[in-house]
Amino acid sequence: MNVLAESLDTRPRLLFFHSPTSGRCRRVEGFLSQVLQRRRNHDTFRLQRVPVDGRPELVERFRIEQLPTLCVVEGRQVVARIESPKGCSDLELALLPWLK
């Protein structure tokens, strides 16, 4: 996606803070895929995976203390935060305002 198209994209961003070596993070990524696929919500968010080892400035800026953590960002504001969801139902409940 080019810079102009990205600036016109008004979908909320879903930031997925994770560690690539964490089994828990990989499980939650699977839960997220199920939730988004269930009602064809893959285009609802601009999903951005943020590896905590590679982006320490974002970890500090978003005050990430647990992994995995998901943040829904609309405009420049965090409107939802999901820390260490236990399963699909936790994610679906937290993301319900945006899901179809």
N, C-alpha and C. Protein backbone atom coordinates (compact mmCIF):
# COMPACT_ATOMS: atom_id res chain seq x y z
N MET A 1 0.86 -1.18 0.00
CA MET A 1 0.00 0.00 0.00
C MET A 1 0.90 1.23 0.00
N ASN A 2 0.62 2.18 -0.86
CA ASN A 2 1.46 3.37 -0.91
C ASN A 2 1.08 4.35 0.20
N VAL A 3 1.89 5.36 0.39
CA VAL A 3 1.71 6.31 1.49
C VAL A 3 0.37 7.04 1.40
N LEU A 4 -0.01 7.47 0.19
CA LEU A 4 -1.28 8.18 0.03
C LEU A 4 -2.46 7.28 0.37
N ALA A 5 -2.45 6.06 -0.14
CA ALA A 5 -3.55 5.13 0.14
C ALA A 5 -3.62 4.83 1.63
N GLU A 6 -2.45 4.70 2.27
CA GLU A 6 -2.42 4.41 3.70
C GLU A 6 -2.99 5.58 4.50
N SER A 7 -2.73 6.80 4.08
CA SER A 7 -3.24 7.96 4.82
C SER A 7 -4.75 8.11 4.64
N LEU A 8 -5.30 7.57 3.56
CA LEU A 8 -6.74 7.63 3.32
C LEU A 8 -7.49 6.46 3.96
N ASP A 9 -6.75 5.47 4.45
CA ASP A 9 -7.34 4.29 5.07
C ASP A 9 -7.85 4.66 6.46
N THR A 10 -9.16 4.65 6.63
CA THR A 10 -9.76 5.10 7.89
C THR A 10 -10.08 3.94 8.84
N ARG A 11 -9.73 2.73 8.44
CA ARG A 11 -9.99 1.58 9.32
C ARG A 11 -9.16 1.71 10.60
N PRO A 12 -9.71 1.23 11.71
CA PRO A 12 -8.90 1.24 12.94
C PRO A 12 -7.71 0.30 12.78
N ARG A 13 -6.62 0.65 13.44
CA ARG A 13 -5.45 -0.22 13.45
C ARG A 13 -5.57 -1.17 14.62
N LEU A 14 -5.18 -2.40 14.40
CA LEU A 14 -5.12 -3.39 15.46
C LEU A 14 -3.65 -3.75 15.62
N LEU A 15 -3.04 -3.27 16.69
CA LEU A 15 -1.63 -3.53 16.95
C LEU A 15 -1.52 -4.79 17.79
N PHE A 16 -0.75 -5.75 17.31
CA PHE A 16 -0.56 -7.02 18.00
C PHE A 16 0.87 -7.09 18.49
N PHE A 17 1.07 -6.77 19.77
CA PHE A 17 2.41 -6.80 20.38
C PHE A 17 2.70 -8.24 20.79
N HIS A 18 3.80 -8.79 20.28
CA HIS A 18 4.09 -10.20 20.52
C HIS A 18 5.59 -10.46 20.53
N SER A 19 5.92 -11.66 20.93
CA SER A 19 7.29 -12.16 20.81
C SER A 19 7.24 -13.36 19.87
N PRO A 20 8.05 -13.37 18.83
CA PRO A 20 8.01 -14.48 17.88
C PRO A 20 8.40 -15.83 18.49
N THR A 21 9.05 -15.81 19.65
CA THR A 21 9.48 -17.06 20.27
C THR A 21 8.51 -17.56 21.34
N SER A 22 7.42 -16.84 21.56
CA SER A 22 6.46 -17.21 22.61
C SER A 22 5.34 -18.08 22.05
N GLY A 23 5.17 -19.24 22.64
CA GLY A 23 4.08 -20.12 22.25
C GLY A 23 2.73 -19.50 22.55
N ARG A 24 2.63 -18.80 23.66
CA ARG A 24 1.37 -18.12 24.04
C ARG A 24 0.98 -17.09 22.97
N CYS A 25 1.95 -16.33 22.50
CA CYS A 25 1.68 -15.33 21.46
C CYS A 25 1.21 -15.98 20.17
N ARG A 26 1.83 -17.11 19.81
CA ARG A 26 1.41 -17.81 18.59
C ARG A 26 0.00 -18.35 18.73
N ARG A 27 -0.36 -18.85 19.93
CA ARG A 27 -1.72 -19.34 20.16
C ARG A 27 -2.73 -18.21 20.02
N VAL A 28 -2.42 -17.05 20.62
CA VAL A 28 -3.34 -15.91 20.55
C VAL A 28 -3.46 -15.42 19.11
N GLU A 29 -2.39 -15.49 18.34
CA GLU A 29 -2.48 -15.12 16.93
C GLU A 29 -3.45 -16.04 16.20
N GLY A 30 -3.45 -17.31 16.56
CA GLY A 30 -4.41 -18.26 15.99
C GLY A 30 -5.84 -17.92 16.40
N PHE A 31 -6.03 -17.55 17.68
CA PHE A 31 -7.36 -17.14 18.15
C PHE A 31 -7.85 -15.93 17.36
N LEU A 32 -6.95 -14.96 17.17
CA LEU A 32 -7.30 -13.75 16.44
C LEU A 32 -7.72 -14.08 15.01
N SER A 33 -6.98 -14.97 14.36
CA SER A 33 -7.33 -15.36 13.00
C SER A 33 -8.72 -15.98 12.96
N GLN A 34 -9.04 -16.82 13.94
CA GLN A 34 -10.37 -17.45 13.99
C GLN A 34 -11.47 -16.41 14.16
N VAL A 35 -11.25 -15.46 15.07
CA VAL A 35 -12.26 -14.43 15.33
C VAL A 35 -12.49 -13.58 14.08
N LEU A 36 -11.43 -13.18 13.41
CA LEU A 36 -11.56 -12.34 12.22
C LEU A 36 -12.15 -13.12 11.04
N GLN A 37 -11.86 -14.40 10.97
CA GLN A 37 -12.36 -15.21 9.87
C GLN A 37 -13.83 -15.58 10.06
N ARG A 38 -14.25 -15.72 11.31
CA ARG A 38 -15.59 -16.22 11.62
C ARG A 38 -16.69 -15.48 10.86
N ARG A 39 -16.63 -14.17 10.84
CA ARG A 39 -17.66 -13.39 10.13
C ARG A 39 -17.05 -12.52 9.03
N ARG A 40 -15.95 -13.01 8.49
CA ARG A 40 -15.25 -12.31 7.40
C ARG A 40 -14.88 -10.87 7.79
N ASN A 41 -14.16 -10.75 8.89
CA ASN A 41 -13.75 -9.45 9.40
C ASN A 41 -12.28 -9.12 9.11
N HIS A 42 -11.68 -9.82 8.17
CA HIS A 42 -10.26 -9.58 7.89
C HIS A 42 -9.98 -8.15 7.43
N ASP A 43 -10.95 -7.51 6.80
CA ASP A 43 -10.73 -6.14 6.32
C ASP A 43 -11.21 -5.08 7.30
N THR A 44 -11.67 -5.49 8.47
CA THR A 44 -12.18 -4.54 9.47
C THR A 44 -11.06 -3.68 10.04
N PHE A 45 -9.90 -4.28 10.24
CA PHE A 45 -8.76 -3.60 10.86
C PHE A 45 -7.57 -3.57 9.91
N ARG A 46 -6.67 -2.63 10.16
CA ARG A 46 -5.32 -2.69 9.58
C ARG A 46 -4.48 -3.38 10.64
N LEU A 47 -4.27 -4.67 10.50
CA LEU A 47 -3.53 -5.45 11.48
C LEU A 47 -2.04 -5.19 11.32
N GLN A 48 -1.40 -4.82 12.42
CA GLN A 48 0.04 -4.61 12.42
C GLN A 48 0.65 -5.43 13.55
N ARG A 49 1.49 -6.39 13.16
CA ARG A 49 2.18 -7.21 14.16
C ARG A 49 3.44 -6.47 14.60
N VAL A 50 3.59 -6.33 15.90
CA VAL A 50 4.72 -5.57 16.44
C VAL A 50 5.57 -6.50 17.31
N PRO A 51 6.71 -6.96 16.79
CA PRO A 51 7.60 -7.79 17.60
C PRO A 51 8.28 -6.91 18.66
N VAL A 52 8.10 -7.26 19.92
CA VAL A 52 8.57 -6.37 21.00
C VAL A 52 10.09 -6.22 21.00
N ASP A 53 10.81 -7.23 20.57
CA ASP A 53 12.27 -7.13 20.53
C ASP A 53 12.74 -6.13 19.47
N GLY A 54 11.97 -6.00 18.40
CA GLY A 54 12.37 -5.12 17.30
C GLY A 54 11.86 -3.70 17.42
N ARG A 55 10.89 -3.45 18.29
CA ARG A 55 10.29 -2.11 18.41
C ARG A 55 10.14 -1.68 19.87
N PRO A 56 11.26 -1.58 20.60
CA PRO A 56 11.17 -1.21 22.03
C PRO A 56 10.56 0.17 22.27
N GLU A 57 10.70 1.09 21.28
CA GLU A 57 10.12 2.43 21.45
C GLU A 57 8.59 2.35 21.46
N LEU A 58 8.01 1.45 20.66
CA LEU A 58 6.55 1.28 20.67
C LEU A 58 6.07 0.58 21.93
N VAL A 59 6.86 -0.37 22.42
CA VAL A 59 6.52 -1.05 23.67
C VAL A 59 6.44 -0.03 24.81
N GLU A 60 7.40 0.89 24.84
CA GLU A 60 7.39 1.92 25.87
C GLU A 60 6.24 2.91 25.66
N ARG A 61 6.05 3.33 24.43
CA ARG A 61 5.00 4.32 24.13
C ARG A 61 3.60 3.81 24.46
N PHE A 62 3.35 2.52 24.18
CA PHE A 62 2.04 1.94 24.45
C PHE A 62 1.97 1.26 25.82
N ARG A 63 3.05 1.36 26.59
CA ARG A 63 3.12 0.81 27.96
C ARG A 63 2.75 -0.67 28.01
N ILE A 64 3.40 -1.44 27.18
CA ILE A 64 3.14 -2.87 27.11
C ILE A 64 3.88 -3.57 28.25
N GLU A 65 3.12 -4.26 29.09
CA GLU A 65 3.70 -4.97 30.23
C GLU A 65 3.51 -6.48 30.13
N GLN A 66 2.50 -6.93 29.38
CA GLN A 66 2.22 -8.35 29.22
C GLN A 66 2.21 -8.69 27.74
N LEU A 67 2.58 -9.93 27.44
CA LEU A 67 2.50 -10.41 26.07
C LEU A 67 1.58 -11.61 26.02
N PRO A 68 0.81 -11.71 24.99
CA PRO A 68 0.59 -10.71 23.95
C PRO A 68 -0.39 -9.64 24.42
N THR A 69 -0.30 -8.48 23.82
CA THR A 69 -1.25 -7.39 24.05
C THR A 69 -1.70 -6.88 22.69
N LEU A 70 -3.01 -6.64 22.58
CA LEU A 70 -3.57 -6.07 21.36
C LEU A 70 -4.17 -4.72 21.70
N CYS A 71 -3.94 -3.74 20.83
CA CYS A 71 -4.49 -2.40 21.02
C CYS A 71 -5.24 -2.00 19.76
N VAL A 72 -6.46 -1.51 19.94
CA VAL A 72 -7.22 -0.96 18.82
C VAL A 72 -6.99 0.55 18.85
N VAL A 73 -6.51 1.09 17.74
CA VAL A 73 -6.19 2.51 17.64
C VAL A 73 -7.07 3.13 16.56
N GLU A 74 -7.84 4.14 16.97
CA GLU A 74 -8.65 4.91 16.02
C GLU A 74 -8.11 6.33 16.04
N GLY A 75 -7.77 6.84 14.86
CA GLY A 75 -7.12 8.14 14.80
C GLY A 75 -5.76 8.00 15.48
N ARG A 76 -5.56 8.73 16.52
CA ARG A 76 -4.30 8.65 17.28
C ARG A 76 -4.55 8.22 18.72
N GLN A 77 -5.70 7.58 18.95
CA GLN A 77 -6.09 7.24 20.32
C GLN A 77 -6.32 5.73 20.47
N VAL A 78 -5.81 5.15 21.55
CA VAL A 78 -6.07 3.75 21.88
C VAL A 78 -7.48 3.68 22.46
N VAL A 79 -8.36 2.96 21.78
CA VAL A 79 -9.76 2.87 22.22
C VAL A 79 -10.08 1.52 22.86
N ALA A 80 -9.19 0.55 22.71
CA ALA A 80 -9.37 -0.75 23.37
C ALA A 80 -8.01 -1.39 23.56
N ARG A 81 -7.89 -2.13 24.64
CA ARG A 81 -6.64 -2.80 24.98
C ARG A 81 -7.00 -4.19 25.49
N ILE A 82 -6.37 -5.20 24.93
CA ILE A 82 -6.64 -6.59 25.32
C ILE A 82 -5.31 -7.21 25.73
N GLU A 83 -5.17 -7.53 27.00
CA GLU A 83 -3.92 -8.09 27.50
C GLU A 83 -4.10 -9.58 27.77
N SER A 84 -3.23 -10.39 27.20
CA SER A 84 -3.21 -11.84 27.38
C SER A 84 -4.59 -12.48 27.33
N PRO A 85 -5.28 -12.37 26.19
CA PRO A 85 -6.59 -13.00 26.09
C PRO A 85 -6.48 -14.51 26.27
N LYS A 86 -7.49 -15.10 26.90
CA LYS A 86 -7.46 -16.54 27.20
C LYS A 86 -7.93 -17.40 26.03
N GLY A 87 -8.68 -16.80 25.11
CA GLY A 87 -9.19 -17.58 23.99
C GLY A 87 -9.98 -16.71 23.03
N CYS A 88 -10.65 -17.36 22.10
CA CYS A 88 -11.43 -16.66 21.08
C CYS A 88 -12.53 -15.81 21.69
N SER A 89 -13.18 -16.32 22.74
CA SER A 89 -14.30 -15.58 23.32
C SER A 89 -13.84 -14.26 23.93
N ASP A 90 -12.67 -14.23 24.57
CA ASP A 90 -12.13 -12.97 25.12
C ASP A 90 -11.89 -11.95 24.01
N LEU A 91 -11.28 -12.42 22.92
CA LEU A 91 -11.00 -11.52 21.80
C LEU A 91 -12.28 -11.04 21.15
N GLU A 92 -13.20 -11.95 20.92
CA GLU A 92 -14.45 -11.58 20.25
C GLU A 92 -15.23 -10.57 21.08
N LEU A 93 -15.28 -10.76 22.37
CA LEU A 93 -16.00 -9.84 23.25
C LEU A 93 -15.35 -8.45 23.22
N ALA A 94 -14.03 -8.39 23.27
CA ALA A 94 -13.33 -7.11 23.28
C ALA A 94 -13.43 -6.39 21.93
N LEU A 95 -13.49 -7.14 20.85
CA LEU A 95 -13.52 -6.54 19.51
C LEU A 95 -14.94 -6.40 18.96
N LEU A 96 -15.93 -6.81 19.73
CA LEU A 96 -17.32 -6.81 19.28
C LEU A 96 -17.81 -5.49 18.68
N PRO A 97 -17.44 -4.32 19.23
CA PRO A 97 -17.91 -3.07 18.63
C PRO A 97 -17.49 -2.88 17.17
N TRP A 98 -16.45 -3.57 16.72
CA TRP A 98 -15.94 -3.39 15.36
C TRP A 98 -16.30 -4.56 14.44
N LEU A 99 -16.73 -5.67 14.99
CA LEU A 99 -17.00 -6.85 14.18
C LEU A 99 -18.36 -6.78 13.51
N LYS A 100 -18.47 -7.43 12.35
CA LYS A 100 -19.74 -7.48 11.62
C LYS A 100 -20.68 -8.48 12.25
